């Protein structure tokens, strides 16, 4: 299974605009049916974002960017440091427990 490449790309572009000067990498996480984004600065990990497949599937492109803005996702990511931010239909949250 894979996710809509257009929607995945829109989220990546949104992150690139929000984190200007940083590098944004993304990869499909088949285990979680989600898209994982890694935000680097100068080759060093700065932020991690996991966007659920349900969120991507359930929303139109315009709705995705509106929700990311509405939820102030950029600020959530910036305040999280390297802790992973998880985006679902319920909003954005910082993962607090260490995962394997």
N, C-alpha and C. Protein backbone atom coordinates (compact mmCIF):
# COMPACT_ATOMS: atom_id res chain seq x y z
N UNK A 1 0.84 -1.19 0.00
CA UNK A 1 0.00 0.00 0.00
C UNK A 1 0.88 1.24 0.00
N UNK A 2 0.46 2.25 -0.70
CA UNK A 2 1.16 3.53 -0.66
C UNK A 2 0.11 4.64 -0.55
N UNK A 3 0.58 5.81 -0.24
CA UNK A 3 -0.31 6.95 -0.05
C UNK A 3 -0.31 7.84 -1.28
N UNK A 4 -1.30 8.69 -1.39
CA UNK A 4 -1.42 9.62 -2.52
C UNK A 4 -0.17 10.50 -2.59
N UNK A 5 0.60 10.32 -3.66
CA UNK A 5 1.87 11.05 -3.81
C UNK A 5 1.68 12.56 -3.86
N UNK A 6 0.56 13.01 -4.42
CA UNK A 6 0.31 14.45 -4.46
C UNK A 6 0.13 15.03 -3.06
N UNK A 7 -0.62 14.33 -2.23
CA UNK A 7 -0.84 14.79 -0.86
C UNK A 7 0.45 14.72 -0.04
N UNK A 8 1.20 13.63 -0.22
CA UNK A 8 2.48 13.47 0.47
C UNK A 8 3.42 14.62 0.07
N UNK A 9 3.43 14.95 -1.21
CA UNK A 9 4.26 16.04 -1.72
C UNK A 9 3.84 17.40 -1.18
N UNK A 10 2.54 17.62 -1.05
CA UNK A 10 2.04 18.89 -0.52
C UNK A 10 2.48 19.07 0.94
N UNK A 11 2.42 18.00 1.71
CA UNK A 11 2.88 18.08 3.10
C UNK A 11 4.38 18.37 3.14
N UNK A 12 5.14 17.71 2.28
CA UNK A 12 6.58 17.96 2.21
C UNK A 12 6.89 19.40 1.84
N UNK A 13 6.17 19.94 0.88
CA UNK A 13 6.37 21.34 0.48
C UNK A 13 5.98 22.29 1.60
N UNK A 14 4.90 21.98 2.30
CA UNK A 14 4.47 22.81 3.43
C UNK A 14 5.58 22.84 4.49
N UNK A 15 6.17 21.67 4.76
CA UNK A 15 7.26 21.61 5.74
C UNK A 15 8.49 22.39 5.26
N UNK A 16 8.80 22.30 3.97
CA UNK A 16 9.95 23.05 3.42
C UNK A 16 9.75 24.55 3.55
N UNK A 17 8.52 25.01 3.35
CA UNK A 17 8.23 26.44 3.51
C UNK A 17 8.31 26.84 4.98
N UNK A 18 7.82 26.00 5.84
CA UNK A 18 7.82 26.27 7.28
C UNK A 18 9.24 26.24 7.86
N UNK A 19 10.08 25.40 7.29
CA UNK A 19 11.46 25.23 7.77
C UNK A 19 12.43 25.59 6.65
N UNK A 20 12.35 26.83 6.22
CA UNK A 20 13.19 27.33 5.14
C UNK A 20 14.67 27.18 5.51
N UNK A 21 15.45 26.66 4.58
CA UNK A 21 16.87 26.45 4.81
C UNK A 21 17.18 25.07 5.37
N UNK A 22 16.17 24.32 5.75
CA UNK A 22 16.34 22.97 6.24
C UNK A 22 16.10 22.00 5.08
N UNK A 23 16.51 20.76 5.26
CA UNK A 23 16.27 19.72 4.28
C UNK A 23 15.18 18.80 4.81
N UNK A 24 14.19 18.51 3.98
CA UNK A 24 13.08 17.64 4.38
C UNK A 24 13.15 16.36 3.55
N UNK A 25 13.26 15.23 4.24
CA UNK A 25 13.25 13.91 3.60
C UNK A 25 11.96 13.22 4.01
N UNK A 26 11.43 12.39 3.12
CA UNK A 26 10.26 11.61 3.52
C UNK A 26 10.35 10.20 2.98
N UNK A 27 9.69 9.30 3.72
CA UNK A 27 9.66 7.89 3.35
C UNK A 27 8.36 7.29 3.87
N UNK A 28 7.82 6.36 3.12
CA UNK A 28 6.60 5.67 3.54
C UNK A 28 6.96 4.67 4.64
N UNK A 29 6.24 4.70 5.75
CA UNK A 29 6.42 3.77 6.86
C UNK A 29 5.32 2.70 6.73
N UNK A 30 5.65 1.59 6.09
CA UNK A 30 4.66 0.54 5.82
C UNK A 30 4.12 -0.07 7.11
N UNK A 31 4.96 -0.17 8.12
CA UNK A 31 4.54 -0.78 9.39
C UNK A 31 3.40 0.00 10.02
N UNK A 32 3.45 1.33 9.89
CA UNK A 32 2.42 2.18 10.49
C UNK A 32 1.45 2.75 9.45
N UNK A 33 1.61 2.40 8.20
CA UNK A 33 0.80 2.95 7.09
C UNK A 33 0.76 4.47 7.20
N UNK A 34 1.94 5.05 7.33
CA UNK A 34 2.09 6.50 7.53
C UNK A 34 3.24 7.03 6.69
N UNK A 35 3.31 8.34 6.58
CA UNK A 35 4.43 8.98 5.90
C UNK A 35 5.30 9.62 6.96
N UNK A 36 6.60 9.30 6.93
CA UNK A 36 7.55 9.84 7.89
C UNK A 36 8.37 10.94 7.23
N UNK A 37 8.49 12.08 7.91
CA UNK A 37 9.28 13.20 7.43
C UNK A 37 10.40 13.48 8.43
N UNK A 38 11.61 13.63 7.91
CA UNK A 38 12.77 13.97 8.73
C UNK A 38 13.23 15.35 8.28
N UNK A 39 13.40 16.25 9.23
CA UNK A 39 13.83 17.61 8.94
C UNK A 39 15.24 17.79 9.48
N UNK A 40 16.18 18.04 8.58
CA UNK A 40 17.59 18.18 8.94
C UNK A 40 18.07 19.61 8.72
N UNK A 41 19.06 19.98 9.50
CA UNK A 41 19.74 21.26 9.31
C UNK A 41 21.23 20.97 9.31
N UNK A 42 21.88 21.28 8.20
CA UNK A 42 23.31 21.02 8.10
C UNK A 42 23.67 19.56 8.27
N UNK A 43 22.79 18.66 7.82
CA UNK A 43 23.04 17.24 7.92
C UNK A 43 22.70 16.64 9.28
N UNK A 44 22.23 17.45 10.21
CA UNK A 44 21.88 16.95 11.54
C UNK A 44 20.37 16.91 11.72
N UNK A 45 19.89 15.83 12.34
CA UNK A 45 18.47 15.68 12.62
C UNK A 45 18.00 16.80 13.54
N UNK A 46 16.93 17.47 13.14
CA UNK A 46 16.33 18.51 13.99
C UNK A 46 14.92 18.14 14.42
N UNK A 47 14.14 17.57 13.48
CA UNK A 47 12.74 17.27 13.79
C UNK A 47 12.30 16.01 13.05
N UNK A 48 11.29 15.33 13.65
CA UNK A 48 10.70 14.14 13.04
C UNK A 48 9.19 14.28 13.08
N UNK A 49 8.55 13.96 11.95
CA UNK A 49 7.09 14.08 11.85
C UNK A 49 6.54 12.82 11.20
N UNK A 50 5.52 12.24 11.83
CA UNK A 50 4.86 11.07 11.27
C UNK A 50 3.41 11.46 11.00
N UNK A 51 3.00 11.38 9.72
CA UNK A 51 1.64 11.73 9.33
C UNK A 51 0.90 10.44 9.01
N UNK A 52 -0.20 10.20 9.71
CA UNK A 52 -0.93 8.95 9.53
C UNK A 52 -1.53 8.86 8.13
N UNK A 53 -1.58 7.63 7.63
CA UNK A 53 -2.20 7.39 6.34
C UNK A 53 -3.68 7.77 6.33
N UNK A 54 -4.35 7.57 7.45
CA UNK A 54 -5.76 7.96 7.54
C UNK A 54 -5.93 9.46 7.34
N UNK A 55 -5.05 10.25 7.97
CA UNK A 55 -5.13 11.70 7.81
C UNK A 55 -4.96 12.06 6.33
N UNK A 56 -3.96 11.47 5.70
CA UNK A 56 -3.69 11.77 4.29
C UNK A 56 -4.87 11.32 3.42
N UNK A 57 -5.38 10.13 3.66
CA UNK A 57 -6.48 9.60 2.85
C UNK A 57 -7.80 10.36 3.05
N UNK A 58 -8.04 10.81 4.27
CA UNK A 58 -9.35 11.39 4.62
C UNK A 58 -9.53 12.85 4.24
N UNK A 59 -8.46 13.54 3.81
CA UNK A 59 -8.55 14.98 3.56
C UNK A 59 -8.08 15.34 2.16
N UNK A 60 -8.77 16.31 1.56
CA UNK A 60 -8.34 16.87 0.27
C UNK A 60 -7.08 17.71 0.49
N UNK A 61 -6.34 17.94 -0.58
CA UNK A 61 -5.09 18.70 -0.48
C UNK A 61 -5.30 20.04 0.21
N UNK A 62 -6.31 20.79 -0.20
CA UNK A 62 -6.54 22.12 0.39
C UNK A 62 -6.87 22.01 1.88
N UNK A 63 -7.58 20.96 2.23
CA UNK A 63 -7.95 20.75 3.63
C UNK A 63 -6.72 20.40 4.47
N UNK A 64 -5.79 19.63 3.88
CA UNK A 64 -4.56 19.25 4.59
C UNK A 64 -3.78 20.49 4.99
N UNK A 65 -3.51 21.36 4.04
CA UNK A 65 -2.71 22.56 4.36
C UNK A 65 -3.45 23.47 5.34
N UNK A 66 -4.76 23.56 5.20
CA UNK A 66 -5.54 24.39 6.13
C UNK A 66 -5.44 23.84 7.55
N UNK A 67 -5.55 22.53 7.70
CA UNK A 67 -5.46 21.93 9.03
C UNK A 67 -4.06 22.07 9.62
N UNK A 68 -3.02 21.89 8.82
CA UNK A 68 -1.66 22.05 9.32
C UNK A 68 -1.44 23.47 9.85
N UNK A 69 -1.99 24.46 9.12
CA UNK A 69 -1.91 25.85 9.58
C UNK A 69 -2.74 26.06 10.84
N UNK A 70 -3.97 25.55 10.80
CA UNK A 70 -4.90 25.73 11.92
C UNK A 70 -4.35 25.11 13.21
N UNK A 71 -3.72 23.96 13.08
CA UNK A 71 -3.16 23.27 14.24
C UNK A 71 -1.81 23.82 14.64
N UNK A 72 -1.33 24.85 13.91
CA UNK A 72 -0.02 25.46 14.19
C UNK A 72 1.07 24.39 14.27
N UNK A 73 1.04 23.51 13.26
CA UNK A 73 1.95 22.38 13.26
C UNK A 73 3.41 22.83 13.29
N UNK A 74 3.75 23.89 12.58
CA UNK A 74 5.13 24.36 12.59
C UNK A 74 5.62 24.67 13.99
N UNK A 75 4.81 25.35 14.78
CA UNK A 75 5.18 25.68 16.16
C UNK A 75 5.29 24.43 17.02
N UNK A 76 4.38 23.48 16.81
CA UNK A 76 4.43 22.22 17.56
C UNK A 76 5.74 21.49 17.26
N UNK A 77 6.10 21.43 15.98
CA UNK A 77 7.33 20.74 15.58
C UNK A 77 8.54 21.46 16.18
N UNK A 78 8.58 22.77 16.06
CA UNK A 78 9.72 23.54 16.58
C UNK A 78 9.89 23.34 18.07
N UNK A 79 8.80 23.28 18.81
CA UNK A 79 8.90 23.13 20.26
C UNK A 79 9.21 21.69 20.67
N UNK A 80 9.06 20.74 19.75
CA UNK A 80 9.27 19.33 20.09
C UNK A 80 10.73 18.93 20.06
N UNK A 81 11.59 19.72 19.42
CA UNK A 81 12.97 19.29 19.24
C UNK A 81 13.00 18.06 18.36
N UNK A 82 13.78 17.05 18.77
CA UNK A 82 13.89 15.83 17.97
C UNK A 82 12.83 14.79 18.33
N UNK A 83 11.99 15.10 19.33
CA UNK A 83 10.90 14.17 19.65
C UNK A 83 9.93 14.13 18.47
N UNK A 84 9.43 12.98 18.18
CA UNK A 84 8.55 12.82 17.02
C UNK A 84 7.19 13.48 17.24
N UNK A 85 6.72 14.17 16.21
CA UNK A 85 5.38 14.75 16.21
C UNK A 85 4.52 13.83 15.35
N UNK A 86 3.35 13.49 15.87
CA UNK A 86 2.44 12.59 15.17
C UNK A 86 1.21 13.38 14.76
N UNK A 87 0.87 13.31 13.47
CA UNK A 87 -0.30 13.99 12.94
C UNK A 87 -1.34 12.94 12.56
N UNK A 88 -2.54 13.07 13.16
CA UNK A 88 -3.65 12.16 12.87
C UNK A 88 -4.89 13.00 12.61
N UNK A 89 -6.00 12.35 12.39
CA UNK A 89 -7.26 13.09 12.21
C UNK A 89 -7.63 13.87 13.46
N UNK A 90 -7.08 13.48 14.60
CA UNK A 90 -7.37 14.17 15.86
C UNK A 90 -6.49 15.37 16.13
N UNK A 91 -5.51 15.64 15.27
CA UNK A 91 -4.62 16.78 15.46
C UNK A 91 -3.17 16.35 15.51
N UNK A 92 -2.34 17.23 16.07
CA UNK A 92 -0.90 16.97 16.17
C UNK A 92 -0.52 16.85 17.63
N UNK A 93 0.32 15.86 17.92
CA UNK A 93 0.80 15.69 19.29
C UNK A 93 2.26 15.26 19.26
N UNK A 94 2.95 15.59 20.34
CA UNK A 94 4.36 15.20 20.47
C UNK A 94 4.40 13.86 21.17
N UNK A 95 5.13 12.94 20.58
CA UNK A 95 5.28 11.63 21.19
C UNK A 95 6.13 11.75 22.45
N UNK A 96 5.62 11.26 23.55
CA UNK A 96 6.32 11.44 24.81
C UNK A 96 7.06 10.20 25.26
N UNK A 97 6.64 9.03 24.81
CA UNK A 97 7.31 7.79 25.20
C UNK A 97 8.30 7.39 24.13
N UNK A 98 9.41 6.82 24.59
CA UNK A 98 10.42 6.33 23.65
C UNK A 98 9.85 5.09 22.94
N UNK A 99 9.97 5.07 21.64
CA UNK A 99 9.50 3.93 20.84
C UNK A 99 10.72 3.24 20.26
N UNK A 100 10.57 1.96 19.99
CA UNK A 100 11.69 1.19 19.44
C UNK A 100 11.98 1.56 18.02
